[in-house]
Structures are given as C-alpha cells and as structure tokens.
Amino acid sequence: MKINAVSPNFKQTRKAGFLEKFHEKAKNNADMTDTIVVPRTIFKGYLGIMTGTTLITAGSFLSKNKIGKILSLSGLAASLYGTYAFVRPFIIKDTPGVETSKK
C-alpha cells in the first residue's frame, strides 16, 4: 500500500473558514453578498460621527490632561462635521449625486 493512499472509508473534510460558517447558517445566501450604494457624503458622515465618538471617548479617559481636552474638542468637531455631511444631501437638494426627479 502506498504511503499517500487514502482508504475508501476515510472521509476527507475541510475546516470551514470564518466567513463560510456565516454563509452556511444564512437562510438566504444573497443576504451575505448584497450591496447597497451609499452616497459619498453620507458615508463621510458615518465616518465623522464614528471618529468623533471614538475621540470623545478617548478624551474622557484623559479628562485631567490637556491632551484629553484636545481629543474631546476634536471629537466634537468631527461629530459636527459628520452630522453636516450626513444631513447635507437631504437639506441641500442641488448637491451633486442627489437625485431630485424620477426618471
């Protein structure tokens, strides 16, 4: 018998990867691969809000230092910009990339 031969009763299994486990458990596999188109300004808004929240949290840990105050103020500025970038397409109707009429 060859060294690399496999007996007929041996079932060769491969460990499923991290993402493959999600695909196996999903009821509708299209849920894992669907994509949505998000306007760039709304995406910038999400990033600004998340970055601002992180900076404010980091600043709260260092609240006694001057660095903590700088982090908190920069977090507030990032959150304010994120809010502006998120809301801008809904307020200003002539923003590029915002559809104002149905085709």
PDB file of N, CA and C in Angstrom:
ATOM      1  N   MET A   1       0.854  -1.174   0.000  1.00  0.00           N
ATOM      2  CA  MET A   1       0.000   0.000   0.000  1.00  0.00           C
ATOM      3  C   MET A   1       0.900   1.239   0.000  1.00  0.00           C
ATOM      4  N   LYS A   2       0.522   2.204  -0.798  1.00  0.00           N
ATOM      5  CA  LYS A   2       1.299   3.426  -0.862  1.00  0.00           C
ATOM      6  C   LYS A   2       1.118   4.231   0.422  1.00  0.00           C
ATOM      7  N   ILE A   3       2.099   5.030   0.707  1.00  0.00           N
ATOM      8  CA  ILE A   3       2.039   5.844   1.922  1.00  0.00           C
ATOM      9  C   ILE A   3       0.959   6.913   1.806  1.00  0.00           C
ATOM     10  N   ASN A   4       0.807   7.486   0.623  1.00  0.00           N
ATOM     11  CA  ASN A   4      -0.153   8.582   0.468  1.00  0.00           C
ATOM     12  C   ASN A   4      -1.529   8.110   0.015  1.00  0.00           C
ATOM     13  N   ALA A   5      -1.781   6.851   0.014  1.00  0.00           N
ATOM     14  CA  ALA A   5      -3.098   6.351  -0.380  1.00  0.00           C
ATOM     15  C   ALA A   5      -4.105   6.600   0.739  1.00  0.00           C
ATOM     16  N   VAL A   6      -5.344   6.813   0.344  1.00  0.00           N
ATOM     17  CA  VAL A   6      -6.413   7.073   1.298  1.00  0.00           C
ATOM     18  C   VAL A   6      -7.382   5.911   1.241  1.00  0.00           C
ATOM     19  N   SER A   7      -7.732   5.391   2.383  1.00  0.00           N
ATOM     20  CA  SER A   7      -8.668   4.266   2.407  1.00  0.00           C
ATOM     21  C   SER A   7     -10.045   4.738   1.957  1.00  0.00           C
ATOM     22  N   PRO A   8     -10.854   3.859   1.387  1.00  0.00           N
ATOM     23  CA  PRO A   8     -12.170   4.263   0.876  1.00  0.00           C
ATOM     24  C   PRO A   8     -13.135   4.721   1.966  1.00  0.00           C
ATOM     25  N   ASN A   9     -12.935   4.310   3.198  1.00  0.00           N
ATOM     26  CA  ASN A   9     -13.821   4.714   4.284  1.00  0.00           C
ATOM     27  C   ASN A   9     -13.458   6.076   4.863  1.00  0.00           C
ATOM     28  N   PHE A  10     -12.329   6.606   4.462  1.00  0.00           N
ATOM     29  CA  PHE A  10     -11.852   7.890   5.001  1.00  0.00           C
ATOM     30  C   PHE A  10     -12.580   9.029   4.308  1.00  0.00           C
ATOM     31  N   LYS A  11     -13.250   9.826   5.066  1.00  0.00           N
ATOM     32  CA  LYS A  11     -13.952  10.981   4.503  1.00  0.00           C
ATOM     33  C   LYS A  11     -13.077  12.205   4.720  1.00  0.00           C
ATOM     34  N   GLN A  12     -12.694  12.797   3.618  1.00  0.00           N
ATOM     35  CA  GLN A  12     -11.808  13.960   3.718  1.00  0.00           C
ATOM     36  C   GLN A  12     -12.662  15.205   3.954  1.00  0.00           C
ATOM     37  N   THR A  13     -12.437  15.849   5.073  1.00  0.00           N
ATOM     38  CA  THR A  13     -13.190  17.054   5.405  1.00  0.00           C
ATOM     39  C   THR A  13     -12.245  18.237   5.465  1.00  0.00           C
ATOM     40  N   ARG A  14     -12.788  19.373   5.143  1.00  0.00           N
ATOM     41  CA  ARG A  14     -12.012  20.592   5.206  1.00  0.00           C
ATOM     42  C   ARG A  14     -12.685  21.513   6.208  1.00  0.00           C
ATOM     43  N   LYS A  15     -11.903  22.137   7.049  1.00  0.00           N
ATOM     44  CA  LYS A  15     -12.478  23.049   8.028  1.00  0.00           C
ATOM     45  C   LYS A  15     -13.045  24.258   7.306  1.00  0.00           C
ATOM     46  N   ALA A  16     -14.243  24.633   7.688  1.00  0.00           N
ATOM     47  CA  ALA A  16     -14.868  25.803   7.085  1.00  0.00           C
ATOM     48  C   ALA A  16     -14.220  27.063   7.638  1.00  0.00           C
ATOM     49  N   GLY A  17     -14.028  28.017   6.761  1.00  0.00           N
ATOM     50  CA  GLY A  17     -13.458  29.286   7.177  1.00  0.00           C
ATOM     51  C   GLY A  17     -14.462  30.110   7.956  1.00  0.00           C
ATOM     52  N   PHE A  18     -14.003  31.227   8.468  1.00  0.00           N
ATOM     53  CA  PHE A  18     -14.841  32.082   9.299  1.00  0.00           C
ATOM     54  C   PHE A  18     -16.063  32.574   8.527  1.00  0.00           C
ATOM     55  N   LEU A  19     -15.859  33.088   7.313  1.00  0.00           N
ATOM     56  CA  LEU A  19     -16.984  33.604   6.532  1.00  0.00           C
ATOM     57  C   LEU A  19     -17.862  32.485   5.988  1.00  0.00           C
ATOM     58  N   GLU A  20     -17.274  31.336   5.699  1.00  0.00           N
ATOM     59  CA  GLU A  20     -18.071  30.221   5.188  1.00  0.00           C
ATOM     60  C   GLU A  20     -19.095  29.749   6.221  1.00  0.00           C
ATOM     61  N   LYS A  21     -18.767  29.857   7.498  1.00  0.00           N
ATOM     62  CA  LYS A  21     -19.724  29.481   8.540  1.00  0.00           C
ATOM     63  C   LYS A  21     -20.951  30.383   8.489  1.00  0.00           C
ATOM     64  N   PHE A  22     -20.741  31.680   8.238  1.00  0.00           N
ATOM     65  CA  PHE A  22     -21.879  32.587   8.116  1.00  0.00           C
ATOM     66  C   PHE A  22     -22.716  32.234   6.888  1.00  0.00           C
ATOM     67  N   HIS A  23     -22.060  31.905   5.778  1.00  0.00           N
ATOM     68  CA  HIS A  23     -22.792  31.545   4.560  1.00  0.00           C
ATOM     69  C   HIS A  23     -23.614  30.277   4.759  1.00  0.00           C
ATOM     70  N   GLU A  24     -23.076  29.318   5.501  1.00  0.00           N
ATOM     71  CA  GLU A  24     -23.812  28.077   5.743  1.00  0.00           C
ATOM     72  C   GLU A  24     -25.042  28.313   6.603  1.00  0.00           C
ATOM     73  N   LYS A  25     -24.951  29.193   7.590  1.00  0.00           N
ATOM     74  CA  LYS A  25     -26.045  29.405   8.534  1.00  0.00           C
ATOM     75  C   LYS A  25     -27.086  30.389   8.014  1.00  0.00           C
ATOM     76  N   ALA A  26     -26.758  31.161   6.983  1.00  0.00           N
ATOM     77  CA  ALA A  26     -27.701  32.150   6.471  1.00  0.00           C
ATOM     78  C   ALA A  26     -28.840  31.441   5.740  1.00  0.00           C
ATOM     79  N   LYS A  27     -30.052  31.885   5.992  1.00  0.00           N
ATOM     80  CA  LYS A  27     -31.201  31.281   5.331  1.00  0.00           C
ATOM     81  C   LYS A  27     -31.232  31.657   3.849  1.00  0.00           C
ATOM     82  N   ASN A  28     -30.903  32.905   3.551  1.00  0.00           N
ATOM     83  CA  ASN A  28     -30.857  33.380   2.180  1.00  0.00           C
ATOM     84  C   ASN A  28     -29.424  33.821   1.904  1.00  0.00           C
ATOM     85  N   ASN A  29     -28.699  33.075   1.074  1.00  0.00           N
ATOM     86  CA  ASN A  29     -27.294  33.381   0.834  1.00  0.00           C
ATOM     87  C   ASN A  29     -27.097  34.737   0.171  1.00  0.00           C
ATOM     88  N   ALA A  30     -28.120  35.261  -0.493  1.00  0.00           N
ATOM     89  CA  ALA A  30     -27.999  36.579  -1.103  1.00  0.00           C
ATOM     90  C   ALA A  30     -27.846  37.669  -0.043  1.00  0.00           C
ATOM     91  N   ASP A  31     -28.270  37.384   1.180  1.00  0.00           N
ATOM     92  CA  ASP A  31     -28.100  38.362   2.258  1.00  0.00           C
ATOM     93  C   ASP A  31     -26.635  38.637   2.541  1.00  0.00           C
ATOM     94  N   MET A  32     -25.774  37.677   2.266  1.00  0.00           N
ATOM     95  CA  MET A  32     -24.351  37.833   2.549  1.00  0.00           C
ATOM     96  C   MET A  32     -23.620  38.586   1.446  1.00  0.00           C
ATOM     97  N   THR A  33     -24.180  38.622   0.240  1.00  0.00           N
ATOM     98  CA  THR A  33     -23.462  39.224  -0.877  1.00  0.00           C
ATOM     99  C   THR A  33     -24.135  40.469  -1.428  1.00  0.00           C
ATOM    100  N   ASP A  34     -25.284  40.841  -0.914  1.00  0.00           N
ATOM    101  CA  ASP A  34     -25.955  42.050  -1.395  1.00  0.00           C
ATOM    102  C   ASP A  34     -25.138  43.280  -1.040  1.00  0.00           C
ATOM    103  N   THR A  35     -25.182  44.251  -1.899  1.00  0.00           N
ATOM    104  CA  THR A  35     -24.511  45.522  -1.627  1.00  0.00           C
ATOM    105  C   THR A  35     -25.504  46.644  -1.855  1.00  0.00           C
ATOM    106  N   ILE A  36     -25.279  47.748  -1.190  1.00  0.00           N
ATOM    107  CA  ILE A  36     -26.101  48.926  -1.398  1.00  0.00           C
ATOM    108  C   ILE A  36     -25.177  50.073  -1.777  1.00  0.00           C
ATOM    109  N   VAL A  37     -25.728  51.000  -2.512  1.00  0.00           N
ATOM    110  CA  VAL A  37     -24.961  52.167  -2.917  1.00  0.00           C
ATOM    111  C   VAL A  37     -25.300  53.289  -1.947  1.00  0.00           C
ATOM    112  N   VAL A  38     -24.286  53.824  -1.308  1.00  0.00           N
ATOM    113  CA  VAL A  38     -24.458  54.909  -0.353  1.00  0.00           C
ATOM    114  C   VAL A  38     -23.750  56.132  -0.906  1.00  0.00           C
ATOM    115  N   PRO A  39     -24.434  57.270  -0.965  1.00  0.00           N
ATOM    116  CA  PRO A  39     -23.739  58.470  -1.425  1.00  0.00           C
ATOM    117  C   PRO A  39     -22.503  58.762  -0.591  1.00  0.00           C
ATOM    118  N   ARG A  40     -21.505  59.308  -1.234  1.00  0.00           N
ATOM    119  CA  ARG A  40     -20.217  59.541  -0.568  1.00  0.00           C
ATOM    120  C   ARG A  40     -20.364  60.451   0.644  1.00  0.00           C
ATOM    121  N   THR A  41     -21.228  61.451   0.563  1.00  0.00           N
ATOM    122  CA  THR A  41     -21.356  62.366   1.699  1.00  0.00           C
ATOM    123  C   THR A  41     -21.953  61.666   2.911  1.00  0.00           C
ATOM    124  N   ILE A  42     -22.898  60.756   2.678  1.00  0.00           N
ATOM    125  CA  ILE A  42     -23.480  60.025   3.800  1.00  0.00           C
ATOM    126  C   ILE A  42     -22.428  59.112   4.425  1.00  0.00           C
ATOM    127  N   PHE A  43     -21.593  58.490   3.584  1.00  0.00           N
ATOM    128  CA  PHE A  43     -20.512  57.649   4.106  1.00  0.00           C
ATOM    129  C   PHE A  43     -19.525  58.485   4.911  1.00  0.00           C
ATOM    130  N   LYS A  44     -19.198  59.679   4.430  1.00  0.00           N
ATOM    131  CA  LYS A  44     -18.315  60.574   5.187  1.00  0.00           C
ATOM    132  C   LYS A  44     -18.963  60.961   6.509  1.00  0.00           C
ATOM    133  N   GLY A  45     -20.281  61.119   6.494  1.00  0.00           N
ATOM    134  CA  GLY A  45     -20.995  61.430   7.728  1.00  0.00           C
ATOM    135  C   GLY A  45     -20.866  60.322   8.756  1.00  0.00           C
ATOM    136  N   TYR A  46     -21.051  59.072   8.305  1.00  0.00           N
ATOM    137  CA  TYR A  46     -20.873  57.942   9.217  1.00  0.00           C
ATOM    138  C   TYR A  46     -19.463  57.929   9.793  1.00  0.00           C
ATOM    139  N   LEU A  47     -18.474  58.104   8.924  1.00  0.00           N
ATOM    140  CA  LEU A  47     -17.087  58.093   9.398  1.00  0.00           C
ATOM    141  C   LEU A  47     -16.829  59.226  10.388  1.00  0.00           C
ATOM    142  N   GLY A  48     -17.360  60.414  10.100  1.00  0.00           N
ATOM    143  CA  GLY A  48     -17.159  61.539  11.006  1.00  0.00           C
ATOM    144  C   GLY A  48     -17.790  61.310  12.364  1.00  0.00           C
ATOM    145  N   ILE A  49     -18.992  60.776  12.367  1.00  0.00           N
ATOM    146  CA  ILE A  49     -19.685  60.522  13.636  1.00  0.00           C
ATOM    147  C   ILE A  49     -18.965  59.435  14.432  1.00  0.00           C
ATOM    148  N   MET A  50     -18.547  58.361  13.754  1.00  0.00           N
ATOM    149  CA  MET A  50     -17.849  57.287  14.468  1.00  0.00           C
ATOM    150  C   MET A  50     -16.483  57.747  14.985  1.00  0.00           C
ATOM    151  N   THR A  51     -15.769  58.513  14.169  1.00  0.00           N
ATOM    152  CA  THR A  51     -14.463  59.029  14.606  1.00  0.00           C
ATOM    153  C   THR A  51     -14.640  59.991  15.772  1.00  0.00           C
ATOM    154  N   GLY A  52     -15.636  60.870  15.682  1.00  0.00           N
ATOM    155  CA  GLY A  52     -15.891  61.813  16.765  1.00  0.00           C
ATOM    156  C   GLY A  52     -16.233  61.120  18.071  1.00  0.00           C
ATOM    157  N   THR A  53     -17.047  60.081  17.984  1.00  0.00           N
ATOM    158  CA  THR A  53     -17.404  59.336  19.190  1.00  0.00           C
ATOM    159  C   THR A  53     -16.170  58.679  19.809  1.00  0.00           C
ATOM    160  N   THR A  54     -15.309  58.130  18.956  1.00  0.00           N
ATOM    161  CA  THR A  54     -14.087  57.496  19.461  1.00  0.00           C
ATOM    162  C   THR A  54     -13.170  58.517  20.115  1.00  0.00           C
ATOM    163  N   LEU A  55     -13.011  59.686  19.498  1.00  0.00           N
ATOM    164  CA  LEU A  55     -12.146  60.714  20.069  1.00  0.00           C
ATOM    165  C   LEU A  55     -12.698  61.257  21.390  1.00  0.00           C
ATOM    166  N   ILE A  56     -14.003  61.423  21.459  1.00  0.00           N
ATOM    167  CA  ILE A  56     -14.606  61.902  22.704  1.00  0.00           C
ATOM    168  C   ILE A  56     -14.409  60.876  23.823  1.00  0.00           C
ATOM    169  N   THR A  57     -14.558  59.590  23.479  1.00  0.00           N
ATOM    170  CA  THR A  57     -14.346  58.545  24.477  1.00  0.00           C
ATOM    171  C   THR A  57     -12.895  58.519  24.952  1.00  0.00           C
ATOM    172  N   ALA A  58     -11.962  58.621  23.996  1.00  0.00           N
ATOM    173  CA  ALA A  58     -10.542  58.652  24.370  1.00  0.00           C
ATOM    174  C   ALA A  58     -10.238  59.879  25.218  1.00  0.00           C
ATOM    175  N   GLY A  59     -10.860  61.010  24.902  1.00  0.00           N
ATOM    176  CA  GLY A  59     -10.658  62.224  25.685  1.00  0.00           C
ATOM    177  C   GLY A  59     -11.212  62.112  27.089  1.00  0.00           C
ATOM    178  N   SER A  60     -12.284  61.342  27.251  1.00  0.00           N
ATOM    179  CA  SER A  60     -12.864  61.199  28.589  1.00  0.00           C
ATOM    180  C   SER A  60     -11.957  60.377  29.513  1.00  0.00           C
ATOM    181  N   PHE A  61     -11.178  59.474  28.928  1.00  0.00           N
ATOM    182  CA  PHE A  61     -10.242  58.709  29.750  1.00  0.00           C
ATOM    183  C   PHE A  61      -9.099  59.581  30.248  1.00  0.00           C
ATOM    184  N   LEU A  62      -8.769  60.605  29.493  1.00  0.00           N
ATOM    185  CA  LEU A  62      -7.670  61.508  29.855  1.00  0.00           C
ATOM    186  C   LEU A  62      -8.216  62.884  30.231  1.00  0.00           C
ATOM    187  N   SER A  63      -9.320  62.932  30.916  1.00  0.00           N
ATOM    188  CA  SER A  63     -10.016  64.195  31.159  1.00  0.00           C
ATOM    189  C   SER A  63      -9.210  65.189  31.988  1.00  0.00           C
ATOM    190  N   LYS A  64      -8.258  64.735  32.756  1.00  0.00           N
ATOM    191  CA  LYS A  64      -7.483  65.646  33.598  1.00  0.00           C
ATOM    192  C   LYS A  64      -6.344  66.320  32.819  1.00  0.00           C
ATOM    193  N   ASN A  65      -5.976  65.753  31.673  1.00  0.00           N
ATOM    194  CA  ASN A  65      -4.854  66.273  30.904  1.00  0.00           C
ATOM    195  C   ASN A  65      -5.304  67.275  29.842  1.00  0.00           C
ATOM    196  N   LYS A  66      -4.346  68.014  29.344  1.00  0.00           N
ATOM    197  CA  LYS A  66      -4.608  68.919  28.231  1.00  0.00           C
ATOM    198  C   LYS A  66      -4.882  68.119  26.962  1.00  0.00           C
ATOM    199  N   ILE A  67      -4.254  66.941  26.841  1.00  0.00           N
ATOM    200  CA  ILE A  67      -4.469  66.079  25.669  1.00  0.00           C
ATOM    201  C   ILE A  67      -5.920  65.597  25.630  1.00  0.00           C
ATOM    202  N   GLY A  68      -6.480  65.294  26.784  1.00  0.00           N
ATOM    203  CA  GLY A  68      -7.870  64.852  26.852  1.00  0.00           C
ATOM    204  C   GLY A  68      -8.832  65.920  26.370  1.00  0.00           C
ATOM    205  N   LYS A  69      -8.553  67.172  26.735  1.00  0.00           N
ATOM    206  CA  LYS A  69      -9.413  68.264  26.268  1.00  0.00           C
ATOM    207  C   LYS A  69      -9.284  68.448  24.768  1.00  0.00           C
ATOM    208  N   ILE A  70      -8.074  68.308  24.247  1.00  0.00           N
ATOM    209  CA  ILE A  70      -7.867  68.432  22.798  1.00  0.00           C
ATOM    210  C   ILE A  70      -8.588  67.306  22.060  1.00  0.00           C
ATOM    211  N   LEU A  71      -8.494  66.082  22.589  1.00  0.00           N
ATOM    212  CA  LEU A  71      -9.198  64.958  21.963  1.00  0.00           C
ATOM    213  C   LEU A  71     -10.708  65.154  21.993  1.00  0.00           C
ATOM    214  N   SER A  72     -11.218  65.650  23.109  1.00  0.00           N
ATOM    215  CA  SER A  72     -12.666  65.870  23.211  1.00  0.00           C
ATOM    216  C   SER A  72     -13.130  66.952  22.241  1.00  0.00           C
ATOM    217  N   LEU A  73     -12.377  68.043  22.150  1.00  0.00           N
ATOM    218  CA  LEU A  73     -12.762  69.110  21.222  1.00  0.00           C
ATOM    219  C   LEU A  73     -12.660  68.656  19.764  1.00  0.00           C
ATOM    220  N   SER A  74     -11.617  67.891  19.438  1.00  0.00           N
ATOM    221  CA  SER A  74     -11.513  67.397  18.065  1.00  0.00           C
ATOM    222  C   SER A  74     -12.608  66.367  17.779  1.00  0.00           C
ATOM    223  N   GLY A  75     -12.998  65.596  18.779  1.00  0.00           N
ATOM    224  CA  GLY A  75     -14.116  64.668  18.616  1.00  0.00           C
ATOM    225  C   GLY A  75     -15.427  65.381  18.381  1.00  0.00           C
ATOM    226  N   LEU A  76     -15.630  66.475  19.101  1.00  0.00           N
ATOM    227  CA  LEU A  76     -16.846  67.263  18.877  1.00  0.00           C
ATOM    228  C   LEU A  76     -16.859  67.855  17.470  1.00  0.00           C
ATOM    229  N   ALA A  77     -15.698  68.323  17.009  1.00  0.00           N
ATOM    230  CA  ALA A  77     -15.618  68.876  15.659  1.00  0.00           C
ATOM    231  C   ALA A  77     -15.867  67.799  14.601  1.00  0.00           C
ATOM    232  N   ALA A  78     -15.303  66.610  14.808  1.00  0.00           N
ATOM    233  CA  ALA A  78     -15.505  65.517  13.856  1.00  0.00           C
ATOM    234  C   ALA A  78     -16.973  65.076  13.842  1.00  0.00           C
ATOM    235  N   SER A  79     -17.603  65.019  14.995  1.00  0.00           N
ATOM    236  CA  SER A  79     -19.023  64.652  15.048  1.00  0.00           C
ATOM    237  C   SER A  79     -19.895  65.714  14.396  1.00  0.00           C
ATOM    238  N   LEU A  80     -19.540  66.978  14.599  1.00  0.00           N
ATOM    239  CA  LEU A  80     -20.298  68.064  13.965  1.00  0.00           C
ATOM    240  C   LEU A  80     -20.164  67.982  12.451  1.00  0.00           C
ATOM    241  N   TYR A  81     -18.937  67.745  11.954  1.00  0.00           N
ATOM    242  CA  TYR A  81     -18.757  67.587  10.506  1.00  0.00           C
ATOM    243  C   TYR A  81     -19.510  66.357  10.001  1.00  0.00           C
ATOM    244  N   GLY A  82     -19.474  65.257  10.751  1.00  0.00           N
ATOM    245  CA  GLY A  82     -20.185  64.052  10.342  1.00  0.00           C
ATOM    246  C   GLY A  82     -21.686  64.278  10.250  1.00  0.00           C
ATOM    247  N   THR A  83     -22.217  65.025  11.199  1.00  0.00           N
ATOM    248  CA  THR A  83     -23.645  65.341  11.156  1.00  0.00           C
ATOM    249  C   THR A  83     -23.970  66.197   9.943  1.00  0.00           C
ATOM    250  N   TYR A  84     -23.125  67.192   9.668  1.00  0.00           N
ATOM    251  CA  TYR A  84     -23.324  68.044   8.496  1.00  0.00           C
ATOM    252  C   TYR A  84     -23.242  67.232   7.202  1.00  0.00           C
ATOM    253  N   ALA A  85     -22.222  66.360   7.088  1.00  0.00           N
ATOM    254  CA  ALA A  85     -22.052  65.569   5.871  1.00  0.00           C
ATOM    255  C   ALA A  85     -23.188  64.562   5.701  1.00  0.00           C
ATOM    256  N   PHE A  86     -23.712  64.057   6.792  1.00  0.00           N
ATOM    257  CA  PHE A  86     -24.816  63.097   6.710  1.00  0.00           C
ATOM    258  C   PHE A  86     -26.115  63.769   6.289  1.00  0.00           C
ATOM    259  N   VAL A  87     -26.364  64.960   6.787  1.00  0.00           N
ATOM    260  CA  VAL A  87     -27.649  65.623   6.562  1.00  0.00           C
ATOM    261  C   VAL A  87     -27.648  66.465   5.284  1.00  0.00           C
ATOM    262  N   ARG A  88     -26.486  66.873   4.814  1.00  0.00           N
ATOM    263  CA  ARG A  88     -26.391  67.788   3.674  1.00  0.00           C
ATOM    264  C   ARG A  88     -27.168  67.326   2.444  1.00  0.00           C
ATOM    265  N   PRO A  89     -27.097  66.046   2.011  1.00  0.00           N
ATOM    266  CA  PRO A  89     -27.856  65.661   0.816  1.00  0.00           C
ATOM    267  C   PRO A  89     -29.364  65.780   0.979  1.00  0.00           C
ATOM    268  N   PHE A  90     -29.847  65.708   2.220  1.00  0.00           N
ATOM    269  CA  PHE A  90     -31.281  65.787   2.437  1.00  0.00           C
ATOM    270  C   PHE A  90     -31.768  67.231   2.546  1.00  0.00           C
ATOM    271  N   ILE A  91     -30.888  68.140   2.937  1.00  0.00           N
ATOM    272  CA  ILE A  91     -31.271  69.543   3.087  1.00  0.00           C
ATOM    273  C   ILE A  91     -31.032  70.317   1.804  1.00  0.00           C
ATOM    274  N   ILE A  92     -29.843  70.163   1.235  1.00  0.00           N
ATOM    275  CA  ILE A  92     -29.491  70.883   0.010  1.00  0.00           C
ATOM    276  C   ILE A  92     -29.812  69.966  -1.161  1.00  0.00           C
ATOM    277  N   LYS A  93     -30.856  70.279  -1.890  1.00  0.00           N
ATOM    278  CA  LYS A  93     -31.341  69.389  -2.939  1.00  0.00           C
ATOM    279  C   LYS A  93     -30.490  69.447  -4.207  1.00  0.00           C
ATOM    280  N   ASP A  94     -29.672  70.464  -4.388  1.00  0.00           N
ATOM    281  CA  ASP A  94     -28.860  70.573  -5.595  1.00  0.00           C
ATOM    282  C   ASP A  94     -27.465  69.985  -5.422  1.00  0.00           C
ATOM    283  N   THR A  95     -27.251  69.227  -4.374  1.00  0.00           N
ATOM    284  CA  THR A  95     -25.947  68.614  -4.141  1.00  0.00           C
ATOM    285  C   THR A  95     -25.686  67.575  -5.230  1.00  0.00           C
ATOM    286  N   PRO A  96     -24.480  67.563  -5.802  1.00  0.00           N
ATOM    287  CA  PRO A  96     -24.184  66.544  -6.823  1.00  0.00           C
ATOM    288  C   PRO A  96     -24.352  65.140  -6.256  1.00  0.00           C
ATOM    289  N   GLY A  97     -24.959  64.275  -7.056  1.00  0.00           N
ATOM    290  CA  GLY A  97     -25.158  62.890  -6.628  1.00  0.00           C
ATOM    291  C   GLY A  97     -26.505  62.643  -5.990  1.00  0.00           C
ATOM    292  N   VAL A  98     -27.307  63.685  -5.766  1.00  0.00           N
ATOM    293  CA  VAL A  98     -28.624  63.522  -5.177  1.00  0.00           C
ATOM    294  C   VAL A  98     -29.657  63.632  -6.293  1.00  0.00           C
ATOM    295  N   GLU A  99     -30.448  62.575  -6.449  1.00  0.00           N
ATOM    296  CA  GLU A  99     -31.459  62.560  -7.500  1.00  0.00           C
ATOM    297  C   GLU A  99     -32.670  63.361  -7.028  1.00  0.00           C
ATOM    298  N   THR A 100     -33.040  64.378  -7.818  1.00  0.00           N
ATOM    299  CA  THR A 100     -34.159  65.238  -7.425  1.00  0.00           C
ATOM    300  C   THR A 100     -35.417  64.951  -8.223  1.00  0.00           C
ATOM    301  N   SER A 101     -35.314  64.189  -9.297  1.00  0.00           N
ATOM    302  CA  SER A 101     -36.506  63.871 -10.089  1.00  0.00           C
ATOM    303  C   SER A 101     -36.460  62.414 -10.487  1.00  0.00           C
ATOM    304  N   LYS A 102     -37.655  61.849 -10.690  1.00  0.00           N
ATOM    305  CA  LYS A 102     -37.736  60.451 -11.116  1.00  0.00           C
ATOM    306  C   LYS A 102     -37.552  60.375 -12.611  1.00  0.00           C
ATOM    307  N   LYS A 103     -36.872  59.323 -13.038  1.00  0.00           N
ATOM    308  CA  LYS A 103     -36.618  59.145 -14.474  1.00  0.00           C
ATOM    309  C   LYS A 103     -37.631  58.225 -15.078  1.00  0.00           C
TER     310      LYS A 103
END
